[in-house]
Amino acid sequence: MSVDAFLQARDFLFAHRADYDTAYRDFRWPVLDRFNWALDYFDRMAYGNDRPALWIVNEGGPGDNSETKISFAEISERSSRVANYLRGLGVKRGDRILLMLGNVVPLWEVMLAAMKLGAVTIPASTLLNRDDLLDRFGRGRARHVVTSPDNAAKFADIPGDYTRIAIGETPGWRDYAEAAVAPARFAPDGETKASDPLLLYFTSGTTAKPKLVLHSHQSYPVGALSTMYWVGLQPGDIHLNVSSPGWAKHAWSCFFTPWVAEACVFMLNQKRFNARNLLDALARYRVTTFCAPPTVWRMLIQENLKAWKVALREVVGAGEPLNPEIIEQVRAAWGLTIRDGYGQTETTLQIANFPGQTVKPGAMGKAAPGYRVRLLDPEGAEQDEAEVSLALDPPPLGLMQGYQGEDGAVAPVSGAAYRTGDVAMRDADGYFTYVGRADDVFKASDYRISPFELESALIEHVAVAEAAVVPSPDPLRLAVPKAFVALAGNHLPDRDTALEIFRHVRATLAPFKRVRRLEFAELPKTISGKIRRVELRAAEAERRAAGGRGAAEFWEEDFPELR
């Protein structure tokens, strides 16, 4: 059976969780034919299983936290009721369901229910606006919507004859509570092929219009094995991942990966992000594994981490590269090493620092089991620094089916390799170091500049919370590195702070890499939290063409004391 092959592959990774060399050499993706992860694996694992599967804490005021804890057996039955309910409303195999919810129990129930039905889920952030939703309905071809009452108003002028379901009483919408009385036993209308479509993701659009990424019943559910191996999850763990619903990382670490490992998904819902309260939750609820993007880690290290006695065993970071300064501060406070991981909406975990491996500061690690990573130049030749690419002979199971086009057709991934659009370099030990998006790397005085390297140096300064480096056009040197800086704490966006930062990068970076211009500003981000360097780059080019400067902008030549 396909599920047995899946479990054998998972158990092999469990057995070699601290032996990367063996895991990478001998791991093989399971060969699947008919496979429905929710029916064949989850329901079987959840039967009679009273261990906690989902634990949600809603943060109120001091001492006012409401909790919901649901077992594997409970959520298995509830998702079957939801599947029967949705089928009764006309949801059919292959239909697209737009799922626009926060971290509430129905999010997990609908994900499982849609999988059982063979429907395709379009995860959507609650931050989407009208134009975003029109895009989801137009290009995504959504036919059903599940959302919350407070977001239902966003659909008021979205045309179409689509099923409307709200988590609570909402005029003109079906009440999701009706699902509770649907039959508890679900019988599928047929078998699910492992290659059948499962998820349609819209990318965050950091450099261009969002792409439509289609995943199958095997690419994310089974592909999550590489992610599970990276996090180091074990049965019974309590896993907290800081990620918003609607984005692929939420499916990675708040859905598939923990449940593949038979671990509990822990969620902390905060009305507004508060680093101290997050640290309180990590300690109070005895979270054992924790994943957060660098943006969150940067805020956490502003606190005295030693003041929190945590039960953490594994800590990881993903979304953007981790700066070495963050890793060192966490290690000094907790004795734990944050292990960086790299992947995309189009894939599961591709490259990482795995449990038991030596972590090289600044490196994102080695290729994940099941992935053969190549660094290819534009001509397809392998180099020690080039575009991160995946060999396709055969393709890794965690790779998407392809991009869906405007006409609804899916362009399958083809050729000898899948190119990620990211540039990395590889050292003699096989470790990969992130250089930047191919679109973000630029030349200054004929030197290639990696924004990430300069940004890592900048955030080592106590005044810098976040930084983004882009080329600033220059008539003599083609371009010079310019940093847009978001300040930490009570630091002022003035001349004295700029001078301190310029002195810091002079002492840290080689002369050809030095930041020559600096502007204090709020950094533009996608709704998934990634910095939009493309926006900063375009704005800087426009400003240089006009000959202007920002109100809080400083150039190296403004400071005689630096000469």
Protein backbone atom coordinates (compact mmCIF):
# COMPACT_ATOMS: atom_id res chain seq x y z
CA MET A 1 0.00 0.00 0.00
CA SER A 2 1.09 3.58 -0.68
CA VAL A 3 0.66 4.56 2.97
CA ASP A 4 3.07 1.80 4.04
CA ALA A 5 5.71 3.10 1.63
CA PHE A 6 5.16 6.60 3.06
CA LEU A 7 5.55 5.38 6.64
CA GLN A 8 8.68 3.40 5.79
CA ALA A 9 10.28 6.53 4.33
CA ARG A 10 9.27 8.56 7.40
CA ASP A 11 10.54 5.96 9.86
CA PHE A 12 13.86 5.77 8.00
CA LEU A 13 14.34 9.50 8.64
CA PHE A 14 13.35 9.06 12.29
CA ALA A 15 15.96 6.34 12.65
CA HIS A 16 18.71 8.53 11.19
CA ARG A 17 17.67 11.87 12.61
CA ALA A 18 21.21 12.70 13.78
CA ASP A 19 23.06 10.91 10.98
CA TYR A 20 22.78 13.21 7.99
CA ASP A 21 25.30 11.40 5.80
CA THR A 22 23.36 8.12 5.98
CA ALA A 23 20.00 9.84 5.65
CA TYR A 24 21.06 11.74 2.56
CA ARG A 25 22.81 8.80 0.91
CA ASP A 26 20.13 6.17 1.48
CA PHE A 27 16.81 8.03 1.62
CA ARG A 28 14.42 7.33 -1.24
CA TRP A 29 11.08 9.00 -1.87
CA PRO A 30 8.21 6.50 -1.65
CA VAL A 31 6.70 5.45 -4.97
CA LEU A 32 2.99 6.24 -4.74
CA ASP A 33 0.05 5.47 -6.98
CA ARG A 34 -3.27 5.98 -5.18
CA PHE A 35 -2.76 8.16 -2.10
CA ASN A 36 -4.87 10.52 -0.03
CA TRP A 37 -2.87 11.72 2.97
CA ALA A 38 -5.95 12.70 4.99
CA LEU A 39 -7.78 9.41 4.48
CA ASP A 40 -4.96 6.90 4.13
CA TYR A 41 -2.52 8.30 6.67
CA PHE A 42 -4.11 10.85 8.99
CA ASP A 43 -7.37 9.07 9.76
CA ARG A 44 -5.53 5.79 10.27
CA MET A 45 -2.98 7.42 12.61
CA ALA A 46 -5.72 9.39 14.43
CA TYR A 47 -8.08 6.48 15.09
CA GLY A 48 -8.51 6.19 18.87
CA ASN A 49 -5.57 8.60 19.31
CA ASP A 50 -6.30 10.91 22.23
CA ARG A 51 -2.96 12.71 22.15
CA PRO A 52 -3.23 16.46 21.39
CA ALA A 53 -3.06 17.31 17.69
CA LEU A 54 -3.90 21.01 17.80
CA TRP A 55 -3.48 23.47 20.68
CA ILE A 56 -4.52 27.08 20.12
CA VAL A 57 -3.99 29.83 22.69
CA ASN A 58 -5.70 33.17 22.10
CA GLU A 59 -3.83 35.92 23.86
CA GLY A 60 -6.02 38.34 25.81
CA GLY A 61 -4.94 40.64 28.60
CA PRO A 62 -2.62 39.65 31.46
CA GLY A 63 -3.71 36.25 32.70
CA ASP A 64 -6.55 36.16 30.17
CA ASN A 65 -5.65 33.47 27.68
CA SER A 66 -8.35 31.24 26.20
CA GLU A 67 -7.25 27.80 25.03
CA THR A 68 -8.54 25.11 22.70
CA LYS A 69 -6.93 21.69 22.64
CA ILE A 70 -8.14 18.97 20.26
CA SER A 71 -6.97 15.38 19.93
CA PHE A 72 -6.06 13.58 16.72
CA ALA A 73 -9.19 11.45 17.01
CA GLU A 74 -11.43 14.49 17.46
CA ILE A 75 -10.09 16.45 14.51
CA SER A 76 -10.24 13.35 12.31
CA GLU A 77 -13.95 12.93 13.04
CA ARG A 78 -14.70 16.65 12.80
CA SER A 79 -13.00 16.94 9.42
CA SER A 80 -15.09 14.00 8.15
CA ARG A 81 -18.24 15.80 9.22
CA VAL A 82 -17.04 18.91 7.40
CA ALA A 83 -16.27 16.87 4.28
CA ASN A 84 -19.81 15.47 4.27
CA TYR A 85 -21.22 18.95 4.87
CA LEU A 86 -19.25 20.47 2.01
CA ARG A 87 -20.25 17.65 -0.31
CA GLY A 88 -23.88 18.35 0.57
CA LEU A 89 -23.37 21.96 -0.52
CA GLY A 90 -22.10 20.85 -3.91
CA VAL A 91 -18.34 20.76 -3.42
CA LYS A 92 -16.95 18.21 -5.87
CA ARG A 93 -13.61 16.60 -6.65
CA GLY A 94 -11.37 19.17 -8.36
CA ASP A 95 -13.39 22.21 -7.19
CA ARG A 96 -11.36 25.13 -5.81
CA ILE A 97 -12.11 26.28 -2.24
CA LEU A 98 -10.79 29.69 -1.20
CA LEU A 99 -9.90 29.30 2.49
CA MET A 100 -9.49 32.68 4.19
CA LEU A 101 -9.23 32.14 7.93
CA GLY A 102 -6.94 32.99 10.81
CA ASN A 103 -5.56 30.39 13.18
CA VAL A 104 -8.91 28.90 14.22
CA VAL A 105 -9.82 25.22 14.43
CA PRO A 106 -11.98 25.26 11.25
CA LEU A 107 -8.87 26.11 9.22
CA TRP A 108 -7.39 22.68 9.98
CA GLU A 109 -10.76 20.95 9.64
CA VAL A 110 -11.42 22.38 6.19
CA MET A 111 -7.91 21.59 4.97
CA LEU A 112 -8.40 17.94 5.91
CA ALA A 113 -11.98 17.86 4.64
CA ALA A 114 -11.06 19.31 1.24
CA MET A 115 -8.31 16.71 0.94
CA LYS A 116 -10.75 13.91 1.71
CA LEU A 117 -13.13 15.23 -0.95
CA GLY A 118 -10.41 15.64 -3.58
CA ALA A 119 -11.11 19.39 -3.75
CA VAL A 120 -8.31 21.91 -4.27
CA THR A 121 -7.67 24.43 -1.49
CA ILE A 122 -6.55 27.99 -2.26
CA PRO A 123 -5.09 29.23 1.05
CA ALA A 124 -5.60 33.00 1.40
CA SER A 125 -4.28 35.50 3.92
CA THR A 126 -6.87 37.52 5.86
CA LEU A 127 -4.89 40.60 4.81
CA LEU A 128 -5.86 40.27 1.15
CA ASN A 129 -7.66 43.23 -0.40
CA ARG A 130 -10.34 43.41 -3.10
CA ASP A 131 -7.87 43.27 -6.02
CA ASP A 132 -6.14 40.25 -4.46
CA LEU A 133 -9.47 38.45 -4.11
CA LEU A 134 -10.49 39.25 -7.68
CA ASP A 135 -7.19 37.68 -8.76
CA ARG A 136 -7.92 34.56 -6.70
CA PHE A 137 -11.34 34.21 -8.30
CA GLY A 138 -10.17 35.09 -11.81
CA ARG A 139 -6.90 33.21 -12.17
CA GLY A 140 -7.53 30.77 -9.31
CA ARG A 141 -11.06 29.89 -10.45
CA ALA A 142 -12.42 29.66 -6.89
CA ARG A 143 -15.94 28.21 -6.66
CA HIS A 144 -16.41 28.08 -2.88
CA VAL A 145 -15.34 30.37 -0.01
CA VAL A 146 -14.85 29.65 3.69
CA THR A 147 -14.05 32.72 5.76
CA SER A 148 -14.83 34.54 9.02
CA PRO A 149 -17.70 36.99 9.57
CA ASP A 150 -15.29 39.93 9.85
CA ASN A 151 -13.83 39.12 6.43
CA ALA A 152 -17.09 38.26 4.69
CA ALA A 153 -17.67 41.94 3.85
CA LYS A 154 -14.62 41.84 1.57
CA PHE A 155 -16.60 39.62 -0.79
CA ALA A 156 -19.59 41.97 -1.07
CA ASP A 157 -18.63 43.17 -4.54
CA ILE A 158 -16.76 40.06 -5.70
CA PRO A 159 -19.01 38.80 -8.52
CA GLY A 160 -19.89 35.20 -9.19
CA ASP A 161 -22.13 32.35 -8.15
CA TYR A 162 -19.97 30.76 -5.47
CA THR A 163 -20.72 28.97 -2.20
CA ARG A 164 -20.37 31.28 0.80
CA ILE A 165 -19.61 29.74 4.21
CA ALA A 166 -18.77 31.82 7.28
CA ILE A 167 -17.48 30.68 10.68
CA GLY A 168 -20.43 32.23 12.51
CA GLU A 169 -23.77 33.78 11.69
CA THR A 170 -23.41 36.17 8.75
CA PRO A 171 -26.31 37.51 6.63
CA GLY A 172 -26.27 35.87 3.19
CA TRP A 173 -23.75 33.21 4.21
CA ARG A 174 -24.10 29.58 5.32
CA ASP A 175 -23.13 29.03 8.96
CA TYR A 176 -20.20 26.65 9.32
CA ALA A 177 -21.75 25.39 12.58
CA GLU A 178 -24.15 23.35 10.42
CA ALA A 179 -21.27 20.96 9.72
CA ALA A 180 -21.38 19.67 13.30
CA VAL A 181 -24.54 17.66 12.59
CA ALA A 182 -23.28 16.07 9.36
CA PRO A 183 -22.49 12.32 9.48
CA ALA A 184 -19.27 11.44 11.28
CA ARG A 185 -18.29 8.75 8.82
CA PHE A 186 -16.98 9.83 5.43
CA ALA A 187 -16.83 7.60 2.35
CA PRO A 188 -14.92 8.99 -0.65
CA ASP A 189 -16.54 8.96 -4.08
CA GLY A 190 -13.50 7.27 -5.56
CA GLU A 191 -9.76 6.79 -5.23
CA THR A 192 -7.34 9.70 -5.17
CA LYS A 193 -4.29 9.57 -7.38
CA ALA A 194 -1.09 10.77 -5.73
CA SER A 195 -0.67 13.15 -8.67
CA ASP A 196 -4.15 14.71 -8.30
CA PRO A 197 -4.13 18.47 -7.51
CA LEU A 198 -4.39 19.43 -3.84
CA LEU A 199 -3.23 23.00 -3.20
CA LEU A 200 -3.05 26.15 -5.31
CA TYR A 201 -0.78 28.78 -3.81
CA PHE A 202 -0.33 32.35 -4.91
CA THR A 203 3.27 33.37 -4.22
CA SER A 204 3.94 36.49 -2.15
CA GLY A 205 5.13 38.48 -5.16
CA THR A 206 8.39 39.91 -3.83
CA THR A 207 9.67 40.75 -7.31
CA ALA A 208 6.68 40.48 -9.65
CA LYS A 209 3.00 39.52 -9.96
CA PRO A 210 2.19 36.46 -7.80
CA LYS A 211 2.64 33.13 -9.54
CA LEU A 212 0.12 30.29 -9.19
CA VAL A 213 1.83 27.22 -7.76
CA LEU A 214 -0.03 23.92 -7.99
CA HIS A 215 0.81 21.09 -5.60
CA SER A 216 -0.42 17.51 -5.60
CA HIS A 217 -1.52 14.96 -3.00
CA GLN A 218 2.08 13.83 -2.76
CA SER A 219 4.22 16.94 -3.30
CA TYR A 220 3.38 18.73 -0.04
CA PRO A 221 2.02 15.95 2.23
CA VAL A 222 4.81 13.48 1.40
CA GLY A 223 7.37 16.11 0.42
CA ALA A 224 7.06 17.36 4.00
CA LEU A 225 9.35 14.49 5.01
CA SER A 226 12.35 16.66 4.15
CA THR A 227 10.94 19.47 6.31
CA MET A 228 10.26 17.11 9.19
CA TYR A 229 13.84 15.87 9.06
CA TRP A 230 15.16 19.44 9.19
CA VAL A 231 13.04 20.54 12.16
CA GLY A 232 13.99 17.38 14.03
CA LEU A 233 10.41 16.61 15.06
CA GLN A 234 9.53 13.53 17.06
CA PRO A 235 6.17 12.02 18.06
CA GLY A 236 4.69 13.90 21.01
CA ASP A 237 6.57 17.14 20.39
CA ILE A 238 4.80 20.47 20.87
CA HIS A 239 5.68 22.53 17.81
CA LEU A 240 5.20 26.28 17.43
CA ASN A 241 5.76 27.92 14.05
CA VAL A 242 5.28 31.65 13.62
CA SER A 243 3.58 31.98 10.25
CA SER A 244 0.32 33.40 8.99
CA PRO A 245 -2.32 31.25 7.26
CA GLY A 246 -2.45 31.69 3.52
CA TRP A 247 1.25 31.17 2.91
CA ALA A 248 3.16 28.00 2.12
CA LYS A 249 5.24 28.10 5.31
CA HIS A 250 2.03 27.73 7.32
CA ALA A 251 1.28 24.47 5.47
CA TRP A 252 4.91 23.43 5.97
CA SER A 253 5.14 23.81 9.74
CA CYS A 254 1.60 24.30 11.05
CA PHE A 255 -0.06 21.46 9.20
CA PHE A 256 1.81 18.75 7.31
CA THR A 257 5.20 18.57 9.00
CA PRO A 258 4.10 18.27 12.65
CA TRP A 259 1.33 15.80 11.84
CA VAL A 260 3.62 13.70 9.64
CA ALA A 261 5.72 13.35 12.80
CA GLU A 262 2.64 12.78 15.03
CA ALA A 263 3.47 15.97 16.93
CA CYS A 264 1.11 18.62 18.32
CA VAL A 265 0.62 21.88 16.44
CA PHE A 266 0.75 24.78 18.92
CA MET A 267 -0.50 28.22 17.88
CA LEU A 268 -0.33 31.52 19.77
CA ASN A 269 -2.77 34.09 18.42
CA GLN A 270 -1.66 37.62 19.23
CA LYS A 271 -3.70 40.70 18.34
CA ARG A 272 -0.40 42.50 17.88
CA PHE A 273 2.99 40.81 17.89
CA ASN A 274 4.69 41.03 21.27
CA ALA A 275 8.08 39.39 21.68
CA ARG A 276 7.88 39.11 25.48
CA ASN A 277 4.47 37.42 25.34
CA LEU A 278 5.72 34.97 22.73
CA LEU A 279 8.66 34.09 24.96
CA ASP A 280 6.27 33.70 27.90
CA ALA A 281 4.22 31.22 25.85
CA LEU A 282 7.29 29.22 24.81
CA ALA A 283 8.19 28.79 28.47
CA ARG A 284 4.69 28.39 29.98
CA TYR A 285 3.42 25.79 27.51
CA ARG A 286 6.69 23.84 27.38
CA VAL A 287 7.06 24.11 23.61
CA THR A 288 9.75 21.70 22.42
CA THR A 289 10.37 22.78 18.81
CA PHE A 290 10.15 26.31 17.45
CA CYS A 291 10.38 27.85 14.00
CA ALA A 292 10.29 31.57 13.21
CA PRO A 293 11.36 33.84 10.35
CA PRO A 294 14.40 36.10 10.81
CA THR A 295 12.09 39.10 11.33
CA VAL A 296 10.72 37.48 14.50
CA TRP A 297 14.12 36.26 15.67
CA ARG A 298 15.45 39.82 15.31
CA MET A 299 12.70 41.05 17.62
CA LEU A 300 13.23 38.24 20.12
CA ILE A 301 16.93 38.97 20.58
CA GLN A 302 16.05 42.52 21.61
CA GLU A 303 14.88 40.89 24.86
CA ASN A 304 17.01 39.27 27.57
CA LEU A 305 16.48 35.69 26.38
CA LYS A 306 18.24 34.26 29.44
CA ALA A 307 15.30 35.39 31.58
CA TRP A 308 13.07 32.72 30.01
CA LYS A 309 13.55 29.07 31.03
CA VAL A 310 12.39 27.25 27.92
CA ALA A 311 11.92 23.53 27.23
CA LEU A 312 13.03 23.90 23.63
CA ARG A 313 15.08 21.13 22.02
CA GLU A 314 15.14 22.37 18.41
CA VAL A 315 15.04 25.93 17.06
CA VAL A 316 15.00 26.74 13.35
CA GLY A 317 14.51 29.69 11.03
CA ALA A 318 13.13 30.06 7.50
CA GLY A 319 11.56 32.56 5.14
CA GLU A 320 14.73 34.59 4.62
CA PRO A 321 18.36 33.81 5.47
CA LEU A 322 19.39 33.97 9.11
CA ASN A 323 22.07 36.46 10.02
CA PRO A 324 25.02 35.04 12.04
CA GLU A 325 24.48 37.65 14.78
CA ILE A 326 21.06 36.18 15.60
CA ILE A 327 22.46 32.64 15.81
CA GLU A 328 25.20 33.72 18.21
CA GLN A 329 22.87 35.61 20.55
CA VAL A 330 20.42 32.71 20.85
CA ARG A 331 23.26 30.24 21.41
CA ALA A 332 24.69 32.42 24.16
CA ALA A 333 21.31 32.70 25.92
CA TRP A 334 19.83 29.21 25.56
CA GLY A 335 22.68 26.98 24.45
CA LEU A 336 20.71 26.14 21.31
CA THR A 337 21.81 26.68 17.73
CA ILE A 338 19.21 28.03 15.31
CA ARG A 339 19.38 25.91 12.20
CA ASP A 340 18.59 27.76 9.01
CA GLY A 341 16.44 26.18 6.32
CA TYR A 342 15.75 27.06 2.69
CA GLY A 343 12.84 26.19 0.46
CA GLN A 344 10.12 27.84 -1.58
CA THR A 345 6.38 27.84 -2.12
CA GLU A 346 7.23 25.66 -5.12
CA THR A 347 8.97 23.03 -2.96
CA THR A 348 9.37 21.69 0.51
CA LEU A 349 12.67 22.04 2.41
CA GLN A 350 15.58 21.89 -0.08
CA ILE A 351 18.67 22.93 1.88
CA ALA A 352 19.26 23.22 5.63
CA ASN A 353 21.41 22.72 8.66
CA PHE A 354 20.14 19.41 10.02
CA PRO A 355 20.20 17.98 13.58
CA GLY A 356 23.66 16.80 14.55
CA GLN A 357 25.39 18.78 11.80
CA THR A 358 28.05 21.39 12.44
CA VAL A 359 26.52 24.78 11.67
CA LYS A 360 28.77 27.16 9.80
CA PRO A 361 27.87 30.78 10.62
CA GLY A 362 26.16 32.35 7.63
CA ALA A 363 25.71 29.08 5.71
CA MET A 364 22.24 27.67 5.06
CA GLY A 365 23.53 24.10 5.18
CA LYS A 366 23.49 21.11 2.87
CA ALA A 367 21.01 19.53 0.47
CA ALA A 368 18.01 17.84 2.09
CA PRO A 369 17.46 14.08 1.75
CA GLY A 370 15.66 13.50 -1.53
CA TYR A 371 16.96 16.70 -3.16
CA ARG A 372 19.93 16.91 -5.53
CA VAL A 373 20.99 20.55 -5.59
CA ARG A 374 23.03 22.00 -8.44
CA LEU A 375 24.44 25.51 -8.89
CA LEU A 376 23.94 26.31 -12.56
CA ASP A 377 25.01 29.31 -14.60
CA PRO A 378 22.81 30.67 -17.42
CA GLU A 379 24.35 28.17 -19.86
CA GLY A 380 23.57 25.22 -17.60
CA ALA A 381 27.15 24.62 -16.46
CA GLU A 382 27.72 23.81 -12.78
CA GLN A 383 29.67 26.41 -10.80
CA ASP A 384 30.63 27.03 -7.18
CA GLU A 385 28.49 30.18 -7.23
CA ALA A 386 25.38 30.27 -9.39
CA GLU A 387 21.61 29.76 -9.39
CA VAL A 388 20.25 27.14 -6.99
CA SER A 389 18.71 24.42 -9.15
CA LEU A 390 17.21 20.98 -8.60
CA ALA A 391 18.07 17.96 -10.74
CA LEU A 392 14.97 16.50 -12.39
CA ASP A 393 16.09 13.02 -13.31
CA PRO A 394 13.87 12.14 -11.51
CA PRO A 395 12.38 15.24 -9.84
CA PRO A 396 12.16 15.40 -6.04
CA LEU A 397 8.73 14.47 -4.73
CA GLY A 398 8.43 17.81 -2.90
CA LEU A 399 8.49 19.81 -6.13
CA MET A 400 5.28 21.41 -7.40
CA GLN A 401 3.34 20.06 -10.38
CA GLY A 402 3.91 23.37 -12.16
CA TYR A 403 2.72 26.95 -12.58
CA GLN A 404 -0.87 27.52 -13.57
CA GLY A 405 -1.22 30.01 -16.41
CA GLU A 406 -3.80 32.69 -17.12
CA ASP A 407 -5.83 30.18 -19.15
CA GLY A 408 -5.97 27.68 -16.29
CA ALA A 409 -3.56 25.24 -17.91
CA VAL A 410 -0.64 23.99 -15.84
CA ALA A 411 2.85 24.21 -17.30
CA PRO A 412 4.69 21.19 -15.85
CA VAL A 413 8.25 21.50 -14.64
CA SER A 414 10.46 20.15 -17.42
CA GLY A 415 14.04 20.03 -18.63
CA ALA A 416 17.13 18.85 -16.82
CA ALA A 417 16.72 21.12 -13.79
CA TYR A 418 14.28 23.36 -11.95
CA ARG A 419 15.76 26.82 -11.33
CA THR A 420 14.82 28.60 -8.11
CA GLY A 421 15.83 32.15 -9.02
CA ASP A 422 18.13 32.28 -5.97
CA VAL A 423 21.91 32.50 -6.10
CA ALA A 424 24.15 30.62 -3.67
CA MET A 425 27.76 29.57 -3.35
CA ARG A 426 29.08 26.16 -2.25
CA ASP A 427 32.24 25.54 -0.27
CA ALA A 428 34.60 22.55 -0.32
CA ASP A 429 32.58 20.80 2.42
CA GLY A 430 29.33 20.97 0.47
CA TYR A 431 27.75 23.78 2.51
CA PHE A 432 25.63 26.29 0.63
CA THR A 433 25.62 30.00 1.48
CA TYR A 434 22.82 32.23 0.28
CA VAL A 435 23.91 35.14 -1.90
CA GLY A 436 20.54 36.62 -2.86
CA ARG A 437 17.73 36.60 -5.35
CA ALA A 438 19.16 36.65 -8.84
CA ASP A 439 17.29 39.95 -9.30
CA ASP A 440 18.77 41.43 -6.09
CA VAL A 441 22.48 40.76 -6.68
CA PHE A 442 24.07 43.79 -8.34
CA LYS A 443 27.39 45.21 -9.51
CA ALA A 444 29.18 48.18 -7.93
CA SER A 445 32.49 49.29 -9.47
CA ASP A 446 32.47 45.93 -11.31
CA TYR A 447 32.23 43.96 -8.03
CA ARG A 448 29.28 41.62 -7.49
CA ILE A 449 27.44 42.59 -4.31
CA SER A 450 25.24 40.27 -2.25
CA PRO A 451 22.67 42.34 -0.34
CA PHE A 452 22.37 39.61 2.28
CA GLU A 453 26.04 39.81 3.25
CA LEU A 454 25.85 43.57 3.76
CA GLU A 455 22.55 43.34 5.62
CA SER A 456 24.05 40.75 7.96
CA ALA A 457 26.85 43.15 8.82
CA LEU A 458 24.43 46.03 9.36
CA ILE A 459 22.18 44.27 11.87
CA GLU A 460 25.19 43.50 14.05
CA HIS A 461 24.99 47.16 15.06
CA VAL A 462 22.83 47.72 18.13
CA ALA A 463 20.86 50.51 16.45
CA VAL A 464 19.75 48.41 13.48
CA ALA A 465 16.64 46.23 13.74
CA GLU A 466 16.30 45.47 10.02
CA ALA A 467 18.08 46.50 6.84
CA ALA A 468 17.67 46.16 3.10
CA VAL A 469 20.51 46.92 0.68
CA VAL A 470 19.92 47.95 -2.95
CA PRO A 471 22.06 49.56 -5.66
CA SER A 472 22.04 53.34 -5.73
CA PRO A 473 22.93 54.60 -9.24
CA ASP A 474 26.25 56.45 -9.34
CA PRO A 475 27.79 58.16 -12.42
CA LEU A 476 31.33 57.04 -11.56
CA ARG A 477 30.90 53.55 -10.13
CA LEU A 478 27.71 52.42 -11.92
CA ALA A 479 26.15 51.87 -8.52
CA VAL A 480 27.05 51.98 -4.84
CA PRO A 481 25.43 49.97 -2.02
CA LYS A 482 22.69 51.84 -0.21
CA ALA A 483 21.04 50.61 2.99
CA PHE A 484 17.49 51.32 4.03
CA VAL A 485 17.48 50.89 7.81
CA ALA A 486 14.70 50.33 10.35
CA LEU A 487 15.98 51.36 13.77
CA ALA A 488 15.81 49.35 16.98
CA GLY A 489 14.67 50.62 20.37
CA ASN A 490 14.94 54.33 21.04
CA HIS A 491 17.66 55.11 18.51
CA LEU A 492 17.10 58.33 16.58
CA PRO A 493 17.22 58.63 12.75
CA ASP A 494 19.81 61.39 12.92
CA ARG A 495 23.35 62.22 11.82
CA ASP A 496 24.99 60.73 14.92
CA THR A 497 23.30 57.35 14.42
CA ALA A 498 24.21 57.34 10.73
CA LEU A 499 27.85 58.08 11.57
CA GLU A 500 27.95 55.18 14.05
CA ILE A 501 26.56 52.79 11.45
CA PHE A 502 28.98 53.97 8.74
CA ARG A 503 31.89 53.45 11.16
CA HIS A 504 30.59 49.97 11.98
CA VAL A 505 30.41 48.81 8.35
CA ARG A 506 33.85 50.32 7.65
CA ALA A 507 35.27 48.14 10.41
CA THR A 508 33.33 45.06 9.27
CA LEU A 509 33.26 44.98 5.47
CA ALA A 510 35.90 45.08 2.75
CA PRO A 511 36.15 48.54 1.10
CA PHE A 512 34.44 47.47 -2.14
CA LYS A 513 31.46 46.11 -0.15
CA ARG A 514 30.94 49.07 2.13
CA VAL A 515 27.56 50.74 2.37
CA ARG A 516 28.06 54.22 0.90
CA ARG A 517 24.57 55.62 1.39
CA LEU A 518 22.06 55.12 4.17
CA GLU A 519 18.45 56.07 4.72
CA PHE A 520 16.33 55.55 7.81
CA ALA A 521 12.93 54.30 6.67
CA GLU A 522 10.16 51.79 7.19
CA LEU A 523 10.86 48.78 5.00
CA PRO A 524 8.15 47.82 2.48
CA LYS A 525 7.07 44.20 2.83
CA THR A 526 4.76 41.72 1.22
CA ILE A 527 1.77 40.65 3.32
CA SER A 528 3.73 37.49 4.12
CA GLY A 529 6.43 39.67 5.75
CA LYS A 530 9.21 39.48 3.15
CA ILE A 531 11.10 42.69 2.32
CA ARG A 532 10.30 44.06 -1.14
CA ARG A 533 13.78 45.08 -2.26
CA VAL A 534 12.43 45.46 -5.80
CA GLU A 535 10.26 48.36 -4.58
CA LEU A 536 13.20 50.04 -2.82
CA ARG A 537 15.40 49.53 -5.86
CA ALA A 538 12.89 51.18 -8.20
CA ALA A 539 12.30 54.09 -5.82
CA GLU A 540 16.04 54.66 -5.45
CA ALA A 541 16.60 54.67 -9.21
CA GLU A 542 13.80 57.20 -9.61
CA ARG A 543 15.16 59.43 -6.87
CA ARG A 544 18.70 59.40 -8.26
CA ALA A 545 17.36 60.29 -11.71
CA ALA A 546 15.56 63.28 -10.15
CA GLY A 547 18.63 64.28 -8.14
CA GLY A 548 16.82 64.29 -4.79
CA ARG A 549 17.50 62.89 -1.33
CA GLY A 550 15.29 61.56 1.44
CA ALA A 551 14.74 63.59 4.62
CA ALA A 552 16.59 60.97 6.68
CA GLU A 553 19.23 60.05 4.08
CA PHE A 554 22.97 60.28 4.64
CA TRP A 555 25.92 59.71 2.30
CA GLU A 556 29.40 58.66 3.32
CA GLU A 557 30.87 61.84 1.87
CA ASP A 558 28.70 63.92 4.24
CA PHE A 559 31.06 62.97 7.06
CA PRO A 560 34.53 64.59 6.96
CA GLU A 561 35.46 62.53 10.02
CA LEU A 562 35.34 59.36 7.90
CA ARG A 563 38.03 60.55 5.50
